[in-house]
């Protein structure tokens, strides 16, 4: 072992130290365009390989799994009549929360297909947080709960964790998605584990794992991250299909017509 260590220092470490010293002394120029293109092409190949090289786990399941593309058919406006009038009665900042939801969903899909697992995980989680936040505020407005709406808008910490856990908000109950509780708590544990490097939350995610590798490796390990990416993406897809399916789009359109008639005093 000592002989191996000496050889590694001599053949690998010291040459690199000498080269870096030379680069620092000569103020080596940044990577040129040709080098950048070569780096980019190499990185694409590496990521695509990770997408298409599959592993069969002990229960017979194979990852990375194929995924379906997201389809946000229609997101309802905070004021439904806007579908027809193109104008809202107010101009609240949170009205524009919905604009980013399809972008996060599409980037979660794209980065998954590229094999960029961490990027896909982040986009899926962000998409879910924006869906919950937007639909929560929209439904508070729809119900005329102005006091809770005002409180939520002014809450700078209103995010995935508080929307799931804070009973005073009652977000999941208001939206009728209590069945998503466990899935959303998993998302939040993954979020805190990766975004904030929280070992306790990472341990919770590991305990939820189905495979031996999940229970022993970090969630960003190359064997585990494709599994986590698939699970977070599927939760995002379930949430999109719950709120923005064609069936719901039909209801939203009918609601928009009714709201427009009410605004225009049409019987």
C-alpha atoms as a PDB file:
ATOM      1  CA  UNK A   1       0.000   0.000   0.000  1.00  0.00           C
ATOM      2  CA  UNK A   2       2.826   2.401   0.878  1.00  0.00           C
ATOM      3  CA  UNK A   3       4.477   1.662  -2.461  1.00  0.00           C
ATOM      4  CA  UNK A   4       1.229   2.462  -4.258  1.00  0.00           C
ATOM      5  CA  UNK A   5       0.921   5.748  -2.365  1.00  0.00           C
ATOM      6  CA  UNK A   6       4.498   6.772  -3.215  1.00  0.00           C
ATOM      7  CA  UNK A   7       3.926   5.958  -6.880  1.00  0.00           C
ATOM      8  CA  UNK A   8       0.673   7.966  -6.901  1.00  0.00           C
ATOM      9  CA  UNK A   9       2.441  11.018  -5.434  1.00  0.00           C
ATOM     10  CA  UNK A  10       5.326  10.696  -7.883  1.00  0.00           C
ATOM     11  CA  UNK A  11       3.390   9.915 -11.059  1.00  0.00           C
ATOM     12  CA  UNK A  12       0.064  11.713 -10.541  1.00  0.00           C
ATOM     13  CA  UNK A  13       0.159  14.359  -7.831  1.00  0.00           C
ATOM     14  CA  UNK A  14       3.551  16.010  -8.331  1.00  0.00           C
ATOM     15  CA  UNK A  15       3.253  16.453 -12.137  1.00  0.00           C
ATOM     16  CA  UNK A  16      -0.097  18.162 -11.615  1.00  0.00           C
ATOM     17  CA  UNK A  17       1.338  20.443  -8.929  1.00  0.00           C
ATOM     18  CA  UNK A  18       4.200  21.424 -11.243  1.00  0.00           C
ATOM     19  CA  UNK A  19       1.819  22.112 -14.130  1.00  0.00           C
ATOM     20  CA  UNK A  20      -0.514  24.221 -11.984  1.00  0.00           C
ATOM     21  CA  UNK A  21       2.404  26.216 -10.609  1.00  0.00           C
ATOM     22  CA  UNK A  22       3.470  26.931 -14.178  1.00  0.00           C
ATOM     23  CA  UNK A  23      -0.086  27.944 -15.137  1.00  0.00           C
ATOM     24  CA  UNK A  24      -0.390  30.290 -12.157  1.00  0.00           C
ATOM     25  CA  UNK A  25       3.008  31.846 -12.837  1.00  0.00           C
ATOM     26  CA  UNK A  26       2.306  32.361 -16.535  1.00  0.00           C
ATOM     27  CA  UNK A  27      -1.325  33.419 -15.890  1.00  0.00           C
ATOM     28  CA  UNK A  28      -2.659  30.849 -18.318  1.00  0.00           C
ATOM     29  CA  UNK A  29      -5.441  32.239 -20.507  1.00  0.00           C
ATOM     30  CA  UNK A  30      -9.025  31.043 -19.925  1.00  0.00           C
ATOM     31  CA  UNK A  31     -10.357  28.159 -21.978  1.00  0.00           C
ATOM     32  CA  UNK A  32     -10.668  29.170 -25.638  1.00  0.00           C
ATOM     33  CA  UNK A  33     -13.725  28.642 -27.825  1.00  0.00           C
ATOM     34  CA  UNK A  34     -12.353  25.447 -29.363  1.00  0.00           C
ATOM     35  CA  UNK A  35     -11.533  24.008 -25.937  1.00  0.00           C
ATOM     36  CA  UNK A  36     -14.952  25.007 -24.642  1.00  0.00           C
ATOM     37  CA  UNK A  37     -16.706  23.245 -27.524  1.00  0.00           C
ATOM     38  CA  UNK A  38     -14.653  20.109 -26.889  1.00  0.00           C
ATOM     39  CA  UNK A  39     -15.510  20.294 -23.185  1.00  0.00           C
ATOM     40  CA  UNK A  40     -19.206  20.813 -23.970  1.00  0.00           C
ATOM     41  CA  UNK A  41     -19.294  17.897 -26.414  1.00  0.00           C
ATOM     42  CA  UNK A  42     -17.534  15.672 -23.904  1.00  0.00           C
ATOM     43  CA  UNK A  43     -19.936  16.690 -21.165  1.00  0.00           C
ATOM     44  CA  UNK A  44     -22.951  15.994 -23.381  1.00  0.00           C
ATOM     45  CA  UNK A  45     -21.605  12.528 -24.197  1.00  0.00           C
ATOM     46  CA  UNK A  46     -20.983  11.802 -20.521  1.00  0.00           C
ATOM     47  CA  UNK A  47     -24.475  12.892 -19.468  1.00  0.00           C
ATOM     48  CA  UNK A  48     -26.240  11.097 -22.315  1.00  0.00           C
ATOM     49  CA  UNK A  49     -24.330   7.929 -21.457  1.00  0.00           C
ATOM     50  CA  UNK A  50     -25.616   8.182 -17.896  1.00  0.00           C
ATOM     51  CA  UNK A  51     -29.166   8.499 -19.282  1.00  0.00           C
ATOM     52  CA  UNK A  52     -28.952   5.425 -21.487  1.00  0.00           C
ATOM     53  CA  UNK A  53     -26.810   3.085 -19.379  1.00  0.00           C
ATOM     54  CA  UNK A  54     -29.329   1.179 -17.257  1.00  0.00           C
ATOM     55  CA  UNK A  55     -29.063  -0.817 -14.045  1.00  0.00           C
ATOM     56  CA  UNK A  56     -31.337  -3.663 -12.931  1.00  0.00           C
ATOM     57  CA  UNK A  57     -31.918  -3.584  -9.184  1.00  0.00           C
ATOM     58  CA  UNK A  58     -32.677  -6.442  -6.791  1.00  0.00           C
ATOM     59  CA  UNK A  59     -36.455  -6.346  -7.311  1.00  0.00           C
ATOM     60  CA  UNK A  60     -36.019  -6.473 -11.093  1.00  0.00           C
ATOM     61  CA  UNK A  61     -36.749  -2.791 -11.757  1.00  0.00           C
ATOM     62  CA  UNK A  62     -34.530  -0.997 -14.263  1.00  0.00           C
ATOM     63  CA  UNK A  63     -33.357   2.634 -13.897  1.00  0.00           C
ATOM     64  CA  UNK A  64     -33.237   5.184 -15.412  1.00  0.00           C
ATOM     65  CA  UNK A  65     -36.838   4.621 -16.448  1.00  0.00           C
ATOM     66  CA  UNK A  66     -38.492   6.315 -19.418  1.00  0.00           C
ATOM     67  CA  UNK A  67     -40.777   9.245 -18.603  1.00  0.00           C
ATOM     68  CA  UNK A  68     -43.757  10.943 -20.243  1.00  0.00           C
ATOM     69  CA  UNK A  69     -43.558  14.566 -21.355  1.00  0.00           C
ATOM     70  CA  UNK A  70     -45.459  17.077 -19.191  1.00  0.00           C
ATOM     71  CA  UNK A  71     -48.642  18.597 -20.558  1.00  0.00           C
ATOM     72  CA  UNK A  72     -49.960  21.680 -18.795  1.00  0.00           C
ATOM     73  CA  UNK A  73     -53.140  21.969 -20.867  1.00  0.00           C
ATOM     74  CA  UNK A  74     -54.368  25.158 -19.211  1.00  0.00           C
ATOM     75  CA  UNK A  75     -53.601  27.065 -16.002  1.00  0.00           C
ATOM     76  CA  UNK A  76     -56.548  29.064 -14.707  1.00  0.00           C
ATOM     77  CA  UNK A  77     -56.153  32.823 -14.272  1.00  0.00           C
ATOM     78  CA  UNK A  78     -56.529  34.335 -10.770  1.00  0.00           C
ATOM     79  CA  UNK A  79     -59.481  36.202 -12.286  1.00  0.00           C
ATOM     80  CA  UNK A  80     -61.128  33.715 -14.705  1.00  0.00           C
ATOM     81  CA  UNK A  81     -62.684  36.355 -16.995  1.00  0.00           C
ATOM     82  CA  UNK A  82     -59.159  37.339 -18.103  1.00  0.00           C
ATOM     83  CA  UNK A  83     -59.301  34.404 -20.538  1.00  0.00           C
ATOM     84  CA  UNK A  84     -61.782  36.471 -22.556  1.00  0.00           C
ATOM     85  CA  UNK A  85     -61.059  40.089 -21.635  1.00  0.00           C
ATOM     86  CA  UNK A  86     -57.247  39.850 -21.474  1.00  0.00           C
ATOM     87  CA  UNK A  87     -57.496  42.326 -18.586  1.00  0.00           C
ATOM     88  CA  UNK A  88     -57.643  41.732 -14.847  1.00  0.00           C
ATOM     89  CA  UNK A  89     -59.267  43.959 -12.251  1.00  0.00           C
ATOM     90  CA  UNK A  90     -56.069  44.042 -10.184  1.00  0.00           C
ATOM     91  CA  UNK A  91     -52.376  43.623 -10.950  1.00  0.00           C
ATOM     92  CA  UNK A  92     -50.964  41.537  -8.123  1.00  0.00           C
ATOM     93  CA  UNK A  93     -47.392  40.295  -8.406  1.00  0.00           C
ATOM     94  CA  UNK A  94     -48.388  36.725  -7.573  1.00  0.00           C
ATOM     95  CA  UNK A  95     -50.643  36.606 -10.646  1.00  0.00           C
ATOM     96  CA  UNK A  96     -47.534  35.894 -12.721  1.00  0.00           C
ATOM     97  CA  UNK A  97     -46.464  32.876 -10.665  1.00  0.00           C
ATOM     98  CA  UNK A  98     -48.148  30.639 -13.212  1.00  0.00           C
ATOM     99  CA  UNK A  99     -45.927  31.803 -16.078  1.00  0.00           C
ATOM    100  CA  UNK A 100     -42.938  29.809 -14.851  1.00  0.00           C
ATOM    101  CA  UNK A 101     -44.729  26.521 -14.138  1.00  0.00           C
ATOM    102  CA  UNK A 102     -44.601  25.154 -17.739  1.00  0.00           C
ATOM    103  CA  UNK A 103     -40.939  26.212 -18.057  1.00  0.00           C
ATOM    104  CA  UNK A 104     -39.933  24.300 -14.920  1.00  0.00           C
ATOM    105  CA  UNK A 105     -41.939  21.276 -16.090  1.00  0.00           C
ATOM    106  CA  UNK A 106     -40.355  21.289 -19.549  1.00  0.00           C
ATOM    107  CA  UNK A 107     -36.837  21.753 -18.150  1.00  0.00           C
ATOM    108  CA  UNK A 108     -37.402  18.898 -15.686  1.00  0.00           C
ATOM    109  CA  UNK A 109     -38.278  16.698 -18.678  1.00  0.00           C
ATOM    110  CA  UNK A 110     -35.432  17.968 -20.873  1.00  0.00           C
ATOM    111  CA  UNK A 111     -32.709  17.647 -18.246  1.00  0.00           C
ATOM    112  CA  UNK A 112     -33.945  14.155 -17.343  1.00  0.00           C
ATOM    113  CA  UNK A 113     -33.667  13.099 -20.985  1.00  0.00           C
ATOM    114  CA  UNK A 114     -30.144  14.600 -21.084  1.00  0.00           C
ATOM    115  CA  UNK A 115     -29.120  12.665 -17.988  1.00  0.00           C
ATOM    116  CA  UNK A 116     -28.682  15.832 -15.894  1.00  0.00           C
ATOM    117  CA  UNK A 117     -30.196  14.235 -12.815  1.00  0.00           C
ATOM    118  CA  UNK A 118     -29.640  16.977 -10.242  1.00  0.00           C
ATOM    119  CA  UNK A 119     -30.954  19.636 -12.630  1.00  0.00           C
ATOM    120  CA  UNK A 120     -34.062  17.542 -13.283  1.00  0.00           C
ATOM    121  CA  UNK A 121     -34.623  16.994  -9.563  1.00  0.00           C
ATOM    122  CA  UNK A 122     -34.330  20.735  -8.897  1.00  0.00           C
ATOM    123  CA  UNK A 123     -36.703  21.675 -11.738  1.00  0.00           C
ATOM    124  CA  UNK A 124     -39.292  19.082 -10.677  1.00  0.00           C
ATOM    125  CA  UNK A 125     -39.241  20.294  -7.068  1.00  0.00           C
ATOM    126  CA  UNK A 126     -39.400  23.956  -8.103  1.00  0.00           C
ATOM    127  CA  UNK A 127     -42.302  23.224 -10.442  1.00  0.00           C
ATOM    128  CA  UNK A 128     -44.250  21.533  -7.634  1.00  0.00           C
ATOM    129  CA  UNK A 129     -43.573  24.404  -5.240  1.00  0.00           C
ATOM    130  CA  UNK A 130     -44.816  26.965  -7.777  1.00  0.00           C
ATOM    131  CA  UNK A 131     -47.937  24.899  -8.504  1.00  0.00           C
ATOM    132  CA  UNK A 132     -48.810  24.652  -4.805  1.00  0.00           C
ATOM    133  CA  UNK A 133     -48.104  28.305  -4.129  1.00  0.00           C
ATOM    134  CA  UNK A 134     -50.048  29.566  -7.126  1.00  0.00           C
ATOM    135  CA  UNK A 135     -53.053  27.289  -6.658  1.00  0.00           C
ATOM    136  CA  UNK A 136     -53.152  28.067  -2.933  1.00  0.00           C
ATOM    137  CA  UNK A 137     -53.225  31.823  -3.523  1.00  0.00           C
ATOM    138  CA  UNK A 138     -55.652  31.509  -6.442  1.00  0.00           C
ATOM    139  CA  UNK A 139     -58.110  29.471  -4.388  1.00  0.00           C
ATOM    140  CA  UNK A 140     -57.854  31.822  -1.413  1.00  0.00           C
ATOM    141  CA  UNK A 141     -58.808  34.645  -3.767  1.00  0.00           C
ATOM    142  CA  UNK A 142     -61.592  32.579  -5.306  1.00  0.00           C
ATOM    143  CA  UNK A 143     -63.050  31.839  -1.864  1.00  0.00           C
ATOM    144  CA  UNK A 144     -62.753  35.474  -0.795  1.00  0.00           C
ATOM    145  CA  UNK A 145     -60.447  34.635   2.135  1.00  0.00           C
ATOM    146  CA  UNK A 146     -58.755  38.033   1.989  1.00  0.00           C
ATOM    147  CA  UNK A 147     -57.132  37.921   5.436  1.00  0.00           C
ATOM    148  CA  UNK A 148     -55.319  34.623   4.846  1.00  0.00           C
ATOM    149  CA  UNK A 149     -54.476  35.675   1.287  1.00  0.00           C
ATOM    150  CA  UNK A 150     -52.881  38.888   2.559  1.00  0.00           C
ATOM    151  CA  UNK A 151     -50.927  36.978   5.189  1.00  0.00           C
ATOM    152  CA  UNK A 152     -49.691  34.403   2.674  1.00  0.00           C
ATOM    153  CA  UNK A 153     -48.621  37.045   0.141  1.00  0.00           C
ATOM    154  CA  UNK A 154     -46.606  38.910   2.786  1.00  0.00           C
ATOM    155  CA  UNK A 155     -44.985  35.699   4.081  1.00  0.00           C
ATOM    156  CA  UNK A 156     -41.482  35.774   2.581  1.00  0.00           C
ATOM    157  CA  UNK A 157     -40.884  32.210   3.762  1.00  0.00           C
ATOM    158  CA  UNK A 158     -43.951  30.759   2.069  1.00  0.00           C
ATOM    159  CA  UNK A 159     -42.568  27.757   0.241  1.00  0.00           C
ATOM    160  CA  UNK A 160     -42.894  24.017  -0.165  1.00  0.00           C
ATOM    161  CA  UNK A 161     -42.201  23.207   3.494  1.00  0.00           C
ATOM    162  CA  UNK A 162     -44.660  25.690   5.001  1.00  0.00           C
ATOM    163  CA  UNK A 163     -47.354  24.897   2.424  1.00  0.00           C
ATOM    164  CA  UNK A 164     -47.151  21.210   3.353  1.00  0.00           C
ATOM    165  CA  UNK A 165     -46.717  21.465   7.102  1.00  0.00           C
ATOM    166  CA  UNK A 166     -48.267  24.674   8.451  1.00  0.00           C
ATOM    167  CA  UNK A 167     -51.742  23.809   9.717  1.00  0.00           C
ATOM    168  CA  UNK A 168     -52.736  27.477   9.907  1.00  0.00           C
ATOM    169  CA  UNK A 169     -52.503  27.637   6.119  1.00  0.00           C
ATOM    170  CA  UNK A 170     -54.203  24.298   5.509  1.00  0.00           C
ATOM    171  CA  UNK A 171     -52.990  24.341   1.898  1.00  0.00           C
ATOM    172  CA  UNK A 172     -53.481  20.659   1.070  1.00  0.00           C
ATOM    173  CA  UNK A 173     -56.959  20.624   2.607  1.00  0.00           C
ATOM    174  CA  UNK A 174     -57.997  23.775   0.736  1.00  0.00           C
ATOM    175  CA  UNK A 175     -56.802  22.284  -2.568  1.00  0.00           C
ATOM    176  CA  UNK A 176     -58.253  18.856  -1.790  1.00  0.00           C
ATOM    177  CA  UNK A 177     -54.945  17.068  -2.258  1.00  0.00           C
ATOM    178  CA  UNK A 178     -54.386  15.481   1.144  1.00  0.00           C
ATOM    179  CA  UNK A 179     -53.521  12.265  -0.725  1.00  0.00           C
ATOM    180  CA  UNK A 180     -50.348  14.006  -1.945  1.00  0.00           C
ATOM    181  CA  UNK A 181     -49.068  14.589   1.616  1.00  0.00           C
ATOM    182  CA  UNK A 182     -46.554  11.750   1.691  1.00  0.00           C
ATOM    183  CA  UNK A 183     -45.254  12.442  -1.820  1.00  0.00           C
ATOM    184  CA  UNK A 184     -44.806  16.143  -1.107  1.00  0.00           C
ATOM    185  CA  UNK A 185     -43.003  15.429   2.167  1.00  0.00           C
ATOM    186  CA  UNK A 186     -40.620  13.217   0.200  1.00  0.00           C
ATOM    187  CA  UNK A 187     -40.038  16.096  -2.236  1.00  0.00           C
ATOM    188  CA  UNK A 188     -39.357  18.464   0.628  1.00  0.00           C
ATOM    189  CA  UNK A 189     -36.891  16.055   2.251  1.00  0.00           C
ATOM    190  CA  UNK A 190     -35.036  15.745  -1.065  1.00  0.00           C
ATOM    191  CA  UNK A 191     -35.074  19.545  -1.451  1.00  0.00           C
ATOM    192  CA  UNK A 192     -33.621  20.222   1.992  1.00  0.00           C
ATOM    193  CA  UNK A 193     -31.090  17.397   1.615  1.00  0.00           C
ATOM    194  CA  UNK A 194     -29.663  18.709  -1.660  1.00  0.00           C
ATOM    195  CA  UNK A 195     -30.235  22.467  -1.475  1.00  0.00           C
ATOM    196  CA  UNK A 196     -29.043  22.834   2.118  1.00  0.00           C
ATOM    197  CA  UNK A 197     -26.933  19.682   2.632  1.00  0.00           C
ATOM    198  CA  UNK A 198     -28.950  18.518   5.611  1.00  0.00           C
ATOM    199  CA  UNK A 199     -27.676  15.063   6.714  1.00  0.00           C
ATOM    200  CA  UNK A 200     -30.778  14.354   8.826  1.00  0.00           C
ATOM    201  CA  UNK A 201     -33.093  14.919   5.865  1.00  0.00           C
ATOM    202  CA  UNK A 202     -30.794  12.921   3.593  1.00  0.00           C
ATOM    203  CA  UNK A 203     -31.082  10.052   6.066  1.00  0.00           C
ATOM    204  CA  UNK A 204     -34.888  10.304   5.891  1.00  0.00           C
ATOM    205  CA  UNK A 205     -34.736  10.076   2.093  1.00  0.00           C
ATOM    206  CA  UNK A 206     -32.415   7.049   2.336  1.00  0.00           C
ATOM    207  CA  UNK A 207     -34.790   5.268   4.722  1.00  0.00           C
ATOM    208  CA  UNK A 208     -37.552   5.651   2.138  1.00  0.00           C
ATOM    209  CA  UNK A 209     -35.417   3.897  -0.482  1.00  0.00           C
ATOM    210  CA  UNK A 210     -36.535   0.610  -1.995  1.00  0.00           C
ATOM    211  CA  UNK A 211     -33.090  -0.630  -2.983  1.00  0.00           C
ATOM    212  CA  UNK A 212     -29.986  -1.436  -0.956  1.00  0.00           C
ATOM    213  CA  UNK A 213     -27.902   1.164  -2.779  1.00  0.00           C
ATOM    214  CA  UNK A 214     -30.389   3.888  -1.799  1.00  0.00           C
ATOM    215  CA  UNK A 215     -30.049   3.022   1.869  1.00  0.00           C
ATOM    216  CA  UNK A 216     -26.258   3.192   1.850  1.00  0.00           C
ATOM    217  CA  UNK A 217     -25.280   5.891  -0.693  1.00  0.00           C
ATOM    218  CA  UNK A 218     -25.908   9.639  -0.815  1.00  0.00           C
ATOM    219  CA  UNK A 219     -28.913  10.721  -2.864  1.00  0.00           C
ATOM    220  CA  UNK A 220     -26.645  12.500  -5.368  1.00  0.00           C
ATOM    221  CA  UNK A 221     -24.589   9.337  -5.930  1.00  0.00           C
ATOM    222  CA  UNK A 222     -24.496   8.352  -9.616  1.00  0.00           C
ATOM    223  CA  UNK A 223     -26.388   5.119  -8.848  1.00  0.00           C
ATOM    224  CA  UNK A 224     -29.060   6.821  -6.736  1.00  0.00           C
ATOM    225  CA  UNK A 225     -29.668  10.194  -8.423  1.00  0.00           C
ATOM    226  CA  UNK A 226     -31.421   8.671 -11.506  1.00  0.00           C
ATOM    227  CA  UNK A 227     -33.861   6.936  -9.133  1.00  0.00           C
ATOM    228  CA  UNK A 228     -34.541  10.128  -7.161  1.00  0.00           C
ATOM    229  CA  UNK A 229     -34.882  12.088 -10.412  1.00  0.00           C
ATOM    230  CA  UNK A 230     -37.516   9.645 -11.660  1.00  0.00           C
ATOM    231  CA  UNK A 231     -39.485   9.751  -8.415  1.00  0.00           C
ATOM    232  CA  UNK A 232     -39.480  13.535  -8.135  1.00  0.00           C
ATOM    233  CA  UNK A 233     -40.425  13.857 -11.810  1.00  0.00           C
ATOM    234  CA  UNK A 234     -43.346  11.444 -11.403  1.00  0.00           C
ATOM    235  CA  UNK A 235     -44.662  13.433  -8.421  1.00  0.00           C
ATOM    236  CA  UNK A 236     -44.448  16.608 -10.506  1.00  0.00           C
ATOM    237  CA  UNK A 237     -46.314  14.899 -13.352  1.00  0.00           C
ATOM    238  CA  UNK A 238     -49.033  13.689 -10.966  1.00  0.00           C
ATOM    239  CA  UNK A 239     -49.483  17.233  -9.661  1.00  0.00           C
ATOM    240  CA  UNK A 240     -49.649  18.695 -13.180  1.00  0.00           C
ATOM    241  CA  UNK A 241     -52.173  16.082 -14.281  1.00  0.00           C
ATOM    242  CA  UNK A 242     -54.252  16.725 -11.161  1.00  0.00           C
ATOM    243  CA  UNK A 243     -54.547  20.482 -11.722  1.00  0.00           C
ATOM    244  CA  UNK A 244     -53.970  21.054 -15.429  1.00  0.00           C
ATOM    245  CA  UNK A 245     -55.514  18.116 -17.267  1.00  0.00           C
ATOM    246  CA  UNK A 246     -57.904  18.559 -20.193  1.00  0.00           C
ATOM    247  CA  UNK A 247     -60.831  17.711 -17.877  1.00  0.00           C
ATOM    248  CA  UNK A 248     -59.853  20.539 -15.525  1.00  0.00           C
ATOM    249  CA  UNK A 249     -59.169  22.846 -18.466  1.00  0.00           C
ATOM    250  CA  UNK A 250     -62.769  22.345 -19.568  1.00  0.00           C
ATOM    251  CA  UNK A 251     -63.996  23.332 -16.092  1.00  0.00           C
ATOM    252  CA  UNK A 252     -61.670  26.358 -16.059  1.00  0.00           C
ATOM    253  CA  UNK A 253     -62.967  27.537 -19.450  1.00  0.00           C
ATOM    254  CA  UNK A 254     -66.569  27.213 -18.300  1.00  0.00           C
ATOM    255  CA  UNK A 255     -65.674  29.098 -15.122  1.00  0.00           C
ATOM    256  CA  UNK A 256     -64.076  31.834 -17.237  1.00  0.00           C
ATOM    257  CA  UNK A 257     -67.228  32.243 -19.350  1.00  0.00           C
ATOM    258  CA  UNK A 258     -69.398  32.418 -16.220  1.00  0.00           C
ATOM    259  CA  UNK A 259     -67.079  34.980 -14.648  1.00  0.00           C
ATOM    260  CA  UNK A 260     -67.077  37.049 -17.850  1.00  0.00           C
ATOM    261  CA  UNK A 261     -70.881  37.031 -17.984  1.00  0.00           C
ATOM    262  CA  UNK A 262     -70.980  38.152 -14.368  1.00  0.00           C
ATOM    263  CA  UNK A 263     -68.555  41.018 -15.066  1.00  0.00           C
ATOM    264  CA  UNK A 264     -70.497  42.090 -18.141  1.00  0.00           C
ATOM    265  CA  UNK A 265     -73.868  41.535 -16.464  1.00  0.00           C
ATOM    266  CA  UNK A 266     -74.957  39.085 -19.119  1.00  0.00           C
ATOM    267  CA  UNK A 267     -77.764  36.716 -18.120  1.00  0.00           C
END
